[in-house]
Amino acid sequence: MHFLIIGIWAEARLRKVTFDPTGFDDADRTVIWGIGSQENRWKKCVELAFRRHHAIPADLNMKSAAIPQDDYTRYKHITRLLTEKLAPVITSRNRIAHGQWVHQLKSRSEDQWISSSALEVPNYCGLKARNEVLNQIGEIIGILVVSKPTFDRDYKSILEKLNSSEKDLDGKNQENFVRSLRKSSLRPSGG
């Protein structure tokens, strides 16, 4: 169930980012919400923010745009984070919400079902780390949308927190967590 909540949070955070009054205008929101998938909506937010901050016209390819190399590297890194970290959460959320534990609908345009592996559900520590990673991705994109100077200032520190949280995605520290819970429940209460 926690996995579902993390996926729902990702959707809510996207709404928060797109409807921030200091961020996108109505035309940008129409473009973003005209896109079918959550992952691609997030990516469009990132693209539109970079385009706005660097005055890149919509018809110019981001690769060939006159954008400083450091900013282009950040752009590519954030879109890769969305693909690697956010997309699996969205997919899992959809599978849970639509009861697709054994069979998953291939796409909306095809009336076929495909067998898929069992839904991988991380332990509590893995879920907590995944939530922290998504919080940091949401924070970095939210700041990017609202303020380029703040984004430039905070990018490195948020990225460091994100990298630290990523180390726990495998949930290997679950045993230590359980032991600490057991120890804390064995202590006599002081009252």
C-alpha atoms as a PDB file:
ATOM      1  CA  MET A   1       0.000   0.000   0.000  1.00  0.00           C
ATOM      2  CA  HIS A   2       2.833   2.416   0.742  1.00  0.00           C
ATOM      3  CA  PHE A   3       4.062   1.954  -2.835  1.00  0.00           C
ATOM      4  CA  LEU A   4       0.696   3.181  -4.100  1.00  0.00           C
ATOM      5  CA  ILE A   5       0.882   6.244  -1.848  1.00  0.00           C
ATOM      6  CA  ILE A   6       4.344   7.152  -3.154  1.00  0.00           C
ATOM      7  CA  GLY A   7       3.001   6.979  -6.719  1.00  0.00           C
ATOM      8  CA  ILE A   8       0.026   9.142  -5.814  1.00  0.00           C
ATOM      9  CA  TRP A   9       2.368  11.626  -4.152  1.00  0.00           C
ATOM     10  CA  ALA A  10       4.365  11.867  -7.415  1.00  0.00           C
ATOM     11  CA  GLU A  11       1.186  12.771  -9.276  1.00  0.00           C
ATOM     12  CA  ALA A  12       0.217  15.358  -6.655  1.00  0.00           C
ATOM     13  CA  ARG A  13       3.700  16.906  -6.740  1.00  0.00           C
ATOM     14  CA  LEU A  14       3.413  17.290 -10.515  1.00  0.00           C
ATOM     15  CA  ARG A  15       0.202  19.250 -10.028  1.00  0.00           C
ATOM     16  CA  LYS A  16       1.885  21.418  -7.424  1.00  0.00           C
ATOM     17  CA  VAL A  17       4.812  22.155  -9.760  1.00  0.00           C
ATOM     18  CA  THR A  18       2.629  22.947 -12.769  1.00  0.00           C
ATOM     19  CA  PHE A  19       0.142  25.128 -10.902  1.00  0.00           C
ATOM     20  CA  ASP A  20       2.621  27.180  -8.878  1.00  0.00           C
ATOM     21  CA  PRO A  21       1.595  30.776  -9.679  1.00  0.00           C
ATOM     22  CA  THR A  22       5.236  31.875 -10.060  1.00  0.00           C
ATOM     23  CA  GLY A  23       5.987  29.035 -12.481  1.00  0.00           C
ATOM     24  CA  PHE A  24       4.110  28.190 -15.648  1.00  0.00           C
ATOM     25  CA  ASP A  25       1.408  30.181 -17.387  1.00  0.00           C
ATOM     26  CA  ASP A  26      -1.866  28.739 -18.712  1.00  0.00           C
ATOM     27  CA  ALA A  27      -0.406  28.038 -22.165  1.00  0.00           C
ATOM     28  CA  ASP A  28       2.439  25.984 -20.647  1.00  0.00           C
ATOM     29  CA  ARG A  29      -0.006  24.104 -18.413  1.00  0.00           C
ATOM     30  CA  THR A  30      -2.132  23.251 -21.436  1.00  0.00           C
ATOM     31  CA  VAL A  31       0.923  21.802 -23.186  1.00  0.00           C
ATOM     32  CA  ILE A  32       1.981  19.832 -20.090  1.00  0.00           C
ATOM     33  CA  TRP A  33      -1.465  18.397 -19.333  1.00  0.00           C
ATOM     34  CA  GLY A  34      -2.033  17.595 -23.008  1.00  0.00           C
ATOM     35  CA  ILE A  35       0.624  14.900 -22.679  1.00  0.00           C
ATOM     36  CA  GLY A  36      -0.636  11.415 -21.843  1.00  0.00           C
ATOM     37  CA  SER A  37       1.971   9.977 -19.499  1.00  0.00           C
ATOM     38  CA  GLN A  38       3.058  11.250 -16.086  1.00  0.00           C
ATOM     39  CA  GLU A  39       6.742  10.706 -16.891  1.00  0.00           C
ATOM     40  CA  ASN A  40       6.503  12.762 -20.085  1.00  0.00           C
ATOM     41  CA  ARG A  41       4.590  15.511 -18.268  1.00  0.00           C
ATOM     42  CA  TRP A  42       7.439  15.770 -15.753  1.00  0.00           C
ATOM     43  CA  LYS A  43       9.961  15.866 -18.606  1.00  0.00           C
ATOM     44  CA  LYS A  44       7.984  18.585 -20.363  1.00  0.00           C
ATOM     45  CA  CYS A  45       8.061  20.645 -17.138  1.00  0.00           C
ATOM     46  CA  VAL A  46      11.846  20.365 -17.085  1.00  0.00           C
ATOM     47  CA  GLU A  47      12.158  21.200 -20.774  1.00  0.00           C
ATOM     48  CA  LEU A  48       9.846  24.223 -20.579  1.00  0.00           C
ATOM     49  CA  ALA A  49      11.651  25.553 -17.510  1.00  0.00           C
ATOM     50  CA  PHE A  50      15.053  25.297 -19.198  1.00  0.00           C
ATOM     51  CA  ARG A  51      13.667  26.846 -22.366  1.00  0.00           C
ATOM     52  CA  ARG A  52      12.222  29.768 -20.390  1.00  0.00           C
ATOM     53  CA  HIS A  53      15.403  30.367 -18.386  1.00  0.00           C
ATOM     54  CA  HIS A  54      17.567  30.348 -21.536  1.00  0.00           C
ATOM     55  CA  ALA A  55      15.046  31.963 -23.940  1.00  0.00           C
ATOM     56  CA  ILE A  56      15.075  28.910 -26.236  1.00  0.00           C
ATOM     57  CA  PRO A  57      12.233  28.925 -28.786  1.00  0.00           C
ATOM     58  CA  ALA A  58       9.924  25.898 -28.858  1.00  0.00           C
ATOM     59  CA  ASP A  59      10.940  24.991 -32.419  1.00  0.00           C
ATOM     60  CA  LEU A  60      14.666  24.760 -31.573  1.00  0.00           C
ATOM     61  CA  ASN A  61      16.096  21.402 -30.506  1.00  0.00           C
ATOM     62  CA  MET A  62      17.502  21.425 -26.967  1.00  0.00           C
ATOM     63  CA  LYS A  63      20.745  19.806 -28.196  1.00  0.00           C
ATOM     64  CA  SER A  64      21.464  22.497 -30.729  1.00  0.00           C
ATOM     65  CA  ALA A  65      20.240  25.315 -28.524  1.00  0.00           C
ATOM     66  CA  ALA A  66      22.552  27.995 -27.249  1.00  0.00           C
ATOM     67  CA  ILE A  67      22.607  26.680 -23.704  1.00  0.00           C
ATOM     68  CA  PRO A  68      25.706  26.496 -21.495  1.00  0.00           C
ATOM     69  CA  GLN A  69      27.147  22.983 -21.313  1.00  0.00           C
ATOM     70  CA  ASP A  70      26.699  22.779 -17.516  1.00  0.00           C
ATOM     71  CA  ASP A  71      23.001  23.584 -17.851  1.00  0.00           C
ATOM     72  CA  TYR A  72      22.551  21.088 -20.688  1.00  0.00           C
ATOM     73  CA  THR A  73      24.246  18.426 -18.534  1.00  0.00           C
ATOM     74  CA  ARG A  74      21.844  19.253 -15.691  1.00  0.00           C
ATOM     75  CA  TYR A  75      18.905  19.067 -18.087  1.00  0.00           C
ATOM     76  CA  LYS A  76      19.969  15.614 -19.291  1.00  0.00           C
ATOM     77  CA  HIS A  77      20.657  14.442 -15.729  1.00  0.00           C
ATOM     78  CA  ILE A  78      17.219  15.482 -14.468  1.00  0.00           C
ATOM     79  CA  THR A  79      15.427  13.847 -17.400  1.00  0.00           C
ATOM     80  CA  ARG A  80      17.463  10.671 -16.801  1.00  0.00           C
ATOM     81  CA  LEU A  81      16.456  10.741 -13.110  1.00  0.00           C
ATOM     82  CA  LEU A  82      12.831  10.925 -14.191  1.00  0.00           C
ATOM     83  CA  THR A  83      13.270   7.897 -16.435  1.00  0.00           C
ATOM     84  CA  GLU A  84      15.257   5.840 -13.933  1.00  0.00           C
ATOM     85  CA  LYS A  85      13.668   6.803 -10.612  1.00  0.00           C
ATOM     86  CA  LEU A  86      10.194   8.219 -11.240  1.00  0.00           C
ATOM     87  CA  ALA A  87       8.955   6.092 -14.157  1.00  0.00           C
ATOM     88  CA  PRO A  88       9.210   2.767 -12.245  1.00  0.00           C
ATOM     89  CA  VAL A  89       7.191   4.246  -9.366  1.00  0.00           C
ATOM     90  CA  ILE A  90       4.496   5.478 -11.752  1.00  0.00           C
ATOM     91  CA  THR A  91       4.371   2.074 -13.470  1.00  0.00           C
ATOM     92  CA  SER A  92       4.119   0.270 -10.138  1.00  0.00           C
ATOM     93  CA  ARG A  93       1.448   2.675  -8.918  1.00  0.00           C
ATOM     94  CA  ASN A  94      -0.592   2.009 -12.049  1.00  0.00           C
ATOM     95  CA  ARG A  95      -0.192  -1.755 -11.708  1.00  0.00           C
ATOM     96  CA  ILE A  96      -1.345  -1.668  -8.086  1.00  0.00           C
ATOM     97  CA  ALA A  97      -4.204   0.773  -8.693  1.00  0.00           C
ATOM     98  CA  HIS A  98      -5.556  -1.204 -11.649  1.00  0.00           C
ATOM     99  CA  GLY A  99      -5.078  -4.674 -10.171  1.00  0.00           C
ATOM    100  CA  GLN A 100      -2.466  -5.706 -12.739  1.00  0.00           C
ATOM    101  CA  TRP A 101      -0.416  -7.940 -10.467  1.00  0.00           C
ATOM    102  CA  VAL A 102      -0.110 -10.877 -12.898  1.00  0.00           C
ATOM    103  CA  HIS A 103      -1.265  -9.504 -16.245  1.00  0.00           C
ATOM    104  CA  GLN A 104      -0.546  -6.019 -17.432  1.00  0.00           C
ATOM    105  CA  LEU A 105      -2.344  -4.245 -20.256  1.00  0.00           C
ATOM    106  CA  LYS A 106       0.251  -3.543 -22.932  1.00  0.00           C
ATOM    107  CA  SER A 107      -1.048  -0.137 -23.979  1.00  0.00           C
ATOM    108  CA  ARG A 108      -4.252   1.778 -24.499  1.00  0.00           C
ATOM    109  CA  SER A 109      -4.075   1.310 -28.265  1.00  0.00           C
ATOM    110  CA  GLU A 110      -3.611  -2.457 -28.170  1.00  0.00           C
ATOM    111  CA  ASP A 111      -6.211  -4.809 -26.789  1.00  0.00           C
ATOM    112  CA  GLN A 112      -3.630  -7.319 -25.584  1.00  0.00           C
ATOM    113  CA  TRP A 113      -2.531  -8.511 -22.193  1.00  0.00           C
ATOM    114  CA  ILE A 114       1.027  -9.476 -21.473  1.00  0.00           C
ATOM    115  CA  SER A 115       2.250 -11.628 -18.639  1.00  0.00           C
ATOM    116  CA  SER A 116       4.624  -9.786 -16.428  1.00  0.00           C
ATOM    117  CA  SER A 117       6.781 -10.668 -13.499  1.00  0.00           C
ATOM    118  CA  ALA A 118       5.332 -10.398 -10.035  1.00  0.00           C
ATOM    119  CA  LEU A 119       5.152  -6.887  -8.694  1.00  0.00           C
ATOM    120  CA  GLU A 120       8.329  -6.135  -6.818  1.00  0.00           C
ATOM    121  CA  VAL A 121       7.469  -4.527  -3.517  1.00  0.00           C
ATOM    122  CA  PRO A 122      10.422  -3.066  -1.647  1.00  0.00           C
ATOM    123  CA  ASN A 123      10.671  -3.322   2.122  1.00  0.00           C
ATOM    124  CA  TYR A 124       9.969  -0.335   4.380  1.00  0.00           C
ATOM    125  CA  CYS A 125      13.519   1.066   4.212  1.00  0.00           C
ATOM    126  CA  GLY A 126      13.564   0.756   0.421  1.00  0.00           C
ATOM    127  CA  LEU A 127      10.191   2.519   0.194  1.00  0.00           C
ATOM    128  CA  LYS A 128      11.336   5.269   2.548  1.00  0.00           C
ATOM    129  CA  ALA A 129      14.478   5.827   0.454  1.00  0.00           C
ATOM    130  CA  ARG A 130      12.435   5.835  -2.771  1.00  0.00           C
ATOM    131  CA  ASN A 131      10.102   8.441  -1.272  1.00  0.00           C
ATOM    132  CA  GLU A 132      13.088  10.601  -0.244  1.00  0.00           C
ATOM    133  CA  VAL A 133      14.576  10.345  -3.751  1.00  0.00           C
ATOM    134  CA  LEU A 134      11.276  11.378  -5.322  1.00  0.00           C
ATOM    135  CA  ASN A 135      10.936  14.251  -2.844  1.00  0.00           C
ATOM    136  CA  GLN A 136      14.360  15.520  -3.876  1.00  0.00           C
ATOM    137  CA  ILE A 137      13.589  15.149  -7.585  1.00  0.00           C
ATOM    138  CA  GLY A 138      10.314  17.042  -7.027  1.00  0.00           C
ATOM    139  CA  GLU A 139      12.150  19.720  -5.070  1.00  0.00           C
ATOM    140  CA  ILE A 140      14.811  20.176  -7.735  1.00  0.00           C
ATOM    141  CA  ILE A 141      12.207  20.487 -10.506  1.00  0.00           C
ATOM    142  CA  GLY A 142       9.980  22.764  -8.430  1.00  0.00           C
ATOM    143  CA  ILE A 143      12.896  25.109  -7.821  1.00  0.00           C
ATOM    144  CA  LEU A 144      13.925  24.944 -11.490  1.00  0.00           C
ATOM    145  CA  VAL A 145      10.428  25.947 -12.611  1.00  0.00           C
ATOM    146  CA  VAL A 146      10.238  28.908 -10.230  1.00  0.00           C
ATOM    147  CA  SER A 147      13.767  30.362 -10.080  1.00  0.00           C
ATOM    148  CA  LYS A 148      16.909  29.754 -12.114  1.00  0.00           C
ATOM    149  CA  PRO A 149      19.207  31.529  -9.598  1.00  0.00           C
ATOM    150  CA  THR A 150      17.847  29.393  -6.746  1.00  0.00           C
ATOM    151  CA  PHE A 151      18.160  26.292  -8.920  1.00  0.00           C
ATOM    152  CA  ASP A 152      21.808  27.144  -9.703  1.00  0.00           C
ATOM    153  CA  ARG A 153      22.511  27.747  -6.016  1.00  0.00           C
ATOM    154  CA  ASP A 154      20.750  24.651  -4.605  1.00  0.00           C
ATOM    155  CA  TYR A 155      21.272  22.062  -7.355  1.00  0.00           C
ATOM    156  CA  LYS A 156      24.464  20.603  -5.957  1.00  0.00           C
ATOM    157  CA  SER A 157      23.235  20.309  -2.347  1.00  0.00           C
ATOM    158  CA  ILE A 158      19.946  18.672  -3.376  1.00  0.00           C
ATOM    159  CA  LEU A 159      21.841  16.317  -5.664  1.00  0.00           C
ATOM    160  CA  GLU A 160      24.082  15.306  -2.749  1.00  0.00           C
ATOM    161  CA  LYS A 161      21.014  14.511  -0.617  1.00  0.00           C
ATOM    162  CA  LEU A 162      19.530  12.576  -3.518  1.00  0.00           C
ATOM    163  CA  ASN A 163      22.713  10.542  -3.996  1.00  0.00           C
ATOM    164  CA  SER A 164      22.770   9.776  -0.275  1.00  0.00           C
ATOM    165  CA  SER A 165      19.152   8.583  -0.357  1.00  0.00           C
ATOM    166  CA  GLU A 166      19.816   6.455  -3.462  1.00  0.00           C
ATOM    167  CA  LYS A 167      22.245   4.332  -1.471  1.00  0.00           C
ATOM    168  CA  ASP A 168      19.328   2.962   0.558  1.00  0.00           C
ATOM    169  CA  LEU A 169      17.009   2.109  -2.346  1.00  0.00           C
ATOM    170  CA  ASP A 170      17.896  -1.572  -2.109  1.00  0.00           C
ATOM    171  CA  GLY A 171      16.518  -1.701   1.444  1.00  0.00           C
ATOM    172  CA  LYS A 172      19.521  -3.629   2.758  1.00  0.00           C
ATOM    173  CA  ASN A 173      19.440  -1.719   6.048  1.00  0.00           C
ATOM    174  CA  GLN A 174      16.002  -3.222   6.843  1.00  0.00           C
ATOM    175  CA  GLU A 175      17.455  -5.733   9.326  1.00  0.00           C
ATOM    176  CA  ASN A 176      19.160  -2.973  11.316  1.00  0.00           C
ATOM    177  CA  PHE A 177      15.933  -0.984  11.267  1.00  0.00           C
ATOM    178  CA  VAL A 178      13.926  -3.952  12.582  1.00  0.00           C
ATOM    179  CA  ARG A 179      16.512  -4.593  15.309  1.00  0.00           C
ATOM    180  CA  SER A 180      16.335  -0.975  16.444  1.00  0.00           C
ATOM    181  CA  LEU A 181      12.529  -1.191  16.588  1.00  0.00           C
ATOM    182  CA  ARG A 182      12.697  -4.342  18.660  1.00  0.00           C
ATOM    183  CA  LYS A 183      15.210  -2.815  21.060  1.00  0.00           C
ATOM    184  CA  SER A 184      13.092   0.285  21.492  1.00  0.00           C
ATOM    185  CA  SER A 185       9.995  -1.806  22.232  1.00  0.00           C
ATOM    186  CA  LEU A 186      11.865  -3.825  24.878  1.00  0.00           C
ATOM    187  CA  ARG A 187      12.802  -0.794  26.946  1.00  0.00           C
ATOM    188  CA  PRO A 188      10.603  -0.228  29.973  1.00  0.00           C
ATOM    189  CA  SER A 189       8.534   2.903  29.725  1.00  0.00           C
ATOM    190  CA  GLY A 190       9.550   5.698  32.054  1.00  0.00           C
ATOM    191  CA  GLY A 191       6.141   6.529  33.373  1.00  0.00           C
END
